[in-house]
């Protein structure tokens, strides 16, 4: 009986630790050009990224392939979608939308030792892609 309790305790502790680590990605990050701030948030067990500040907040999403969105502001749009934590410091199987060219890429996210993000967008395989570096910042969204 003691072994069963010990095994259950270890399982619960490991599960809780993995969940806490998964949520380490939550927060706000400045994009590489300094023109936007991205907020990573969680819905269910998936992670998303939304633009919460832009240097040019009135900019319209003219390159969006969805014609119904081409007249909408980029600010407030969800540009990172459906990431799942793999248990090993990577959030994978998501997608990244680039409003500069209107394209959506397969994507994975990892964090460096300072908590900054490496966002790798690619087509096909990860080797054929580009990584952008997002710096973690303390940012309060305007209300």
Foldseek 3Di string as FASTA:
>chain_A
DVVVVVVVVVVVVLVVVLVVLLCLLAAWWQWPVNFWIWGWDDDDQFIWIATQDGPPQCDALCQAPPVVRRRPTRHGDIFKDGWHDPSPQKTAQIWGADSVHNDIFGWMWGADPVSWIWIWGAHDDSVHTDTTIIGGDHDDGDD
